[in-house]
Amino acid sequence: MAIDRSAYAAMADRIEHELRALGAWRPAQDDPGAPQGAFGGPYQSATGWIQFSLLPQVRAIARGEAEPPEHSDAGVMAVREFDGYDVADPLVVAILELDRMVNYR
């Protein structure tokens, strides 16, 4: 099945929009660099990981520079990290939908 790269581009834009709506978007100079460890998780906040690790990968898929992973559980992290922070629900839903795009293609 062909990859709908435009859907990945739209999802990346949606996730960025939700991070900005939360006031969690950080300047580019805050990027800690290439991830170390499991997807950079050990040294980044959840929002930092989304902005500086997850989003660049989603955008690379959208541009055709990368392929989607075989499986994604980013939504599990989002549900856990933002539990009880209702204002982040749109971000969590977007990341869960990204998982569905990856896992059910």
C-alpha atoms as a PDB file:
ATOM      1  CA  MET A   1       0.000   0.000   0.000  1.00  0.00           C
ATOM      2  CA  ALA A   2       1.291   3.453  -0.874  1.00  0.00           C
ATOM      3  CA  ILE A   3       2.202   5.829   1.919  1.00  0.00           C
ATOM      4  CA  ASP A   4       0.062   8.966   2.026  1.00  0.00           C
ATOM      5  CA  ARG A   5       2.879  11.410   2.607  1.00  0.00           C
ATOM      6  CA  SER A   6       0.514  14.382   2.543  1.00  0.00           C
ATOM      7  CA  ALA A   7      -1.289  12.859   5.539  1.00  0.00           C
ATOM      8  CA  TYR A   8       2.022  12.745   7.426  1.00  0.00           C
ATOM      9  CA  ALA A   9       2.671  16.392   6.510  1.00  0.00           C
ATOM     10  CA  ALA A  10      -0.777  17.393   7.747  1.00  0.00           C
ATOM     11  CA  MET A  11      -0.281  15.417  10.964  1.00  0.00           C
ATOM     12  CA  ALA A  12       3.074  17.085  11.606  1.00  0.00           C
ATOM     13  CA  ASP A  13       1.466  20.498  11.139  1.00  0.00           C
ATOM     14  CA  ARG A  14      -1.368  19.523  13.490  1.00  0.00           C
ATOM     15  CA  ILE A  15       1.007  18.300  16.195  1.00  0.00           C
ATOM     16  CA  GLU A  16       3.098  21.477  15.893  1.00  0.00           C
ATOM     17  CA  HIS A  17      -0.067  23.574  16.127  1.00  0.00           C
ATOM     18  CA  GLU A  18      -1.108  21.772  19.324  1.00  0.00           C
ATOM     19  CA  LEU A  19       2.341  22.214  20.905  1.00  0.00           C
ATOM     20  CA  ARG A  20       2.194  25.927  20.111  1.00  0.00           C
ATOM     21  CA  ALA A  21      -1.358  26.163  21.498  1.00  0.00           C
ATOM     22  CA  LEU A  22      -0.052  24.712  24.775  1.00  0.00           C
ATOM     23  CA  GLY A  23       2.751  27.279  24.853  1.00  0.00           C
ATOM     24  CA  ALA A  24       5.226  24.386  24.732  1.00  0.00           C
ATOM     25  CA  TRP A  25       6.959  25.233  21.437  1.00  0.00           C
ATOM     26  CA  ARG A  26      10.618  26.056  22.019  1.00  0.00           C
ATOM     27  CA  PRO A  27      13.116  27.978  19.892  1.00  0.00           C
ATOM     28  CA  ALA A  28      15.293  25.944  17.524  1.00  0.00           C
ATOM     29  CA  GLN A  29      18.402  26.676  19.591  1.00  0.00           C
ATOM     30  CA  ASP A  30      16.872  24.612  22.416  1.00  0.00           C
ATOM     31  CA  ASP A  31      17.209  21.481  20.253  1.00  0.00           C
ATOM     32  CA  PRO A  32      19.434  19.117  22.247  1.00  0.00           C
ATOM     33  CA  GLY A  33      20.772  17.488  19.080  1.00  0.00           C
ATOM     34  CA  ALA A  34      20.648  13.933  17.872  1.00  0.00           C
ATOM     35  CA  PRO A  35      18.781  11.608  20.206  1.00  0.00           C
ATOM     36  CA  GLN A  36      20.824   9.379  22.443  1.00  0.00           C
ATOM     37  CA  GLY A  37      19.242   6.295  23.879  1.00  0.00           C
ATOM     38  CA  ALA A  38      15.738   5.166  23.017  1.00  0.00           C
ATOM     39  CA  PHE A  39      14.477   7.973  20.776  1.00  0.00           C
ATOM     40  CA  GLY A  40      16.079  10.626  22.958  1.00  0.00           C
ATOM     41  CA  GLY A  41      13.639   9.931  25.754  1.00  0.00           C
ATOM     42  CA  PRO A  42      16.138   9.766  28.611  1.00  0.00           C
ATOM     43  CA  TYR A  43      17.115  13.423  28.399  1.00  0.00           C
ATOM     44  CA  GLN A  44      14.109  15.301  27.030  1.00  0.00           C
ATOM     45  CA  SER A  45      10.767  16.407  28.383  1.00  0.00           C
ATOM     46  CA  ALA A  46       7.717  14.934  26.641  1.00  0.00           C
ATOM     47  CA  THR A  47       7.085  18.137  24.713  1.00  0.00           C
ATOM     48  CA  GLY A  48      10.782  18.432  23.836  1.00  0.00           C
ATOM     49  CA  TRP A  49      10.815  14.860  22.556  1.00  0.00           C
ATOM     50  CA  ILE A  50       7.718  15.539  20.439  1.00  0.00           C
ATOM     51  CA  GLN A  51       9.201  18.724  18.970  1.00  0.00           C
ATOM     52  CA  PHE A  52      12.824  17.709  18.492  1.00  0.00           C
ATOM     53  CA  SER A  53      12.648  13.945  17.891  1.00  0.00           C
ATOM     54  CA  LEU A  54       9.176  12.874  16.782  1.00  0.00           C
ATOM     55  CA  LEU A  55       8.231  15.808  14.532  1.00  0.00           C
ATOM     56  CA  PRO A  56      11.448  15.787  12.478  1.00  0.00           C
ATOM     57  CA  GLN A  57      10.876  12.091  11.767  1.00  0.00           C
ATOM     58  CA  VAL A  58       7.245  12.659  10.762  1.00  0.00           C
ATOM     59  CA  ARG A  59       8.303  15.531   8.490  1.00  0.00           C
ATOM     60  CA  ALA A  60      11.034  13.343   6.931  1.00  0.00           C
ATOM     61  CA  ILE A  61       8.382  10.723   6.156  1.00  0.00           C
ATOM     62  CA  ALA A  62       6.189  13.428   4.631  1.00  0.00           C
ATOM     63  CA  ARG A  63       9.065  14.580   2.385  1.00  0.00           C
ATOM     64  CA  GLY A  64       9.868  11.033   1.305  1.00  0.00           C
ATOM     65  CA  GLU A  65      13.249  11.075   3.063  1.00  0.00           C
ATOM     66  CA  ALA A  66      12.243   8.328   5.519  1.00  0.00           C
ATOM     67  CA  GLU A  67       9.777   5.488   5.752  1.00  0.00           C
ATOM     68  CA  PRO A  68       7.274   5.092   8.576  1.00  0.00           C
ATOM     69  CA  PRO A  69       8.326   2.705  11.322  1.00  0.00           C
ATOM     70  CA  GLU A  70       6.729  -0.715  11.460  1.00  0.00           C
ATOM     71  CA  HIS A  71       4.937   0.219  14.693  1.00  0.00           C
ATOM     72  CA  SER A  72       4.389   3.292  16.846  1.00  0.00           C
ATOM     73  CA  ASP A  73       3.403   3.667  20.499  1.00  0.00           C
ATOM     74  CA  ALA A  74       4.005   7.404  20.772  1.00  0.00           C
ATOM     75  CA  GLY A  75       0.389   7.812  21.831  1.00  0.00           C
ATOM     76  CA  VAL A  76       0.987   5.630  24.894  1.00  0.00           C
ATOM     77  CA  MET A  77       3.695   8.059  25.986  1.00  0.00           C
ATOM     78  CA  ALA A  78       1.411  11.025  25.305  1.00  0.00           C
ATOM     79  CA  VAL A  79      -1.488   9.532  27.293  1.00  0.00           C
ATOM     80  CA  ARG A  80       0.818   8.774  30.217  1.00  0.00           C
ATOM     81  CA  GLU A  81       2.702  12.075  30.195  1.00  0.00           C
ATOM     82  CA  PHE A  82      -0.329  14.330  29.830  1.00  0.00           C
ATOM     83  CA  ASP A  83      -2.753  12.384  32.047  1.00  0.00           C
ATOM     84  CA  GLY A  84      -4.845  14.887  34.002  1.00  0.00           C
ATOM     85  CA  TYR A  85      -3.665  17.851  31.887  1.00  0.00           C
ATOM     86  CA  ASP A  86      -6.921  18.254  29.980  1.00  0.00           C
ATOM     87  CA  VAL A  87      -5.751  21.206  27.925  1.00  0.00           C
ATOM     88  CA  ALA A  88      -3.285  18.817  26.227  1.00  0.00           C
ATOM     89  CA  ASP A  89      -6.064  16.474  25.068  1.00  0.00           C
ATOM     90  CA  PRO A  90      -5.953  17.724  21.437  1.00  0.00           C
ATOM     91  CA  LEU A  91      -2.206  16.995  21.336  1.00  0.00           C
ATOM     92  CA  VAL A  92      -2.739  13.522  22.793  1.00  0.00           C
ATOM     93  CA  VAL A  93      -5.491  12.783  20.266  1.00  0.00           C
ATOM     94  CA  ALA A  94      -3.257  13.908  17.384  1.00  0.00           C
ATOM     95  CA  ILE A  95      -0.429  11.633  18.512  1.00  0.00           C
ATOM     96  CA  LEU A  96      -2.832   8.719  18.951  1.00  0.00           C
ATOM     97  CA  GLU A  97      -4.030   9.335  15.391  1.00  0.00           C
ATOM     98  CA  LEU A  98      -0.406   9.332  14.222  1.00  0.00           C
ATOM     99  CA  ASP A  99      -0.049   5.895  15.814  1.00  0.00           C
ATOM    100  CA  ARG A 100      -3.133   4.720  13.894  1.00  0.00           C
ATOM    101  CA  MET A 101      -1.635   6.034  10.633  1.00  0.00           C
ATOM    102  CA  VAL A 102       1.531   4.034  11.266  1.00  0.00           C
ATOM    103  CA  ASN A 103       0.039   0.900  12.766  1.00  0.00           C
ATOM    104  CA  TYR A 104      -2.900   0.377  10.408  1.00  0.00           C
ATOM    105  CA  ARG A 105      -1.533   1.248   6.987  1.00  0.00           C
END
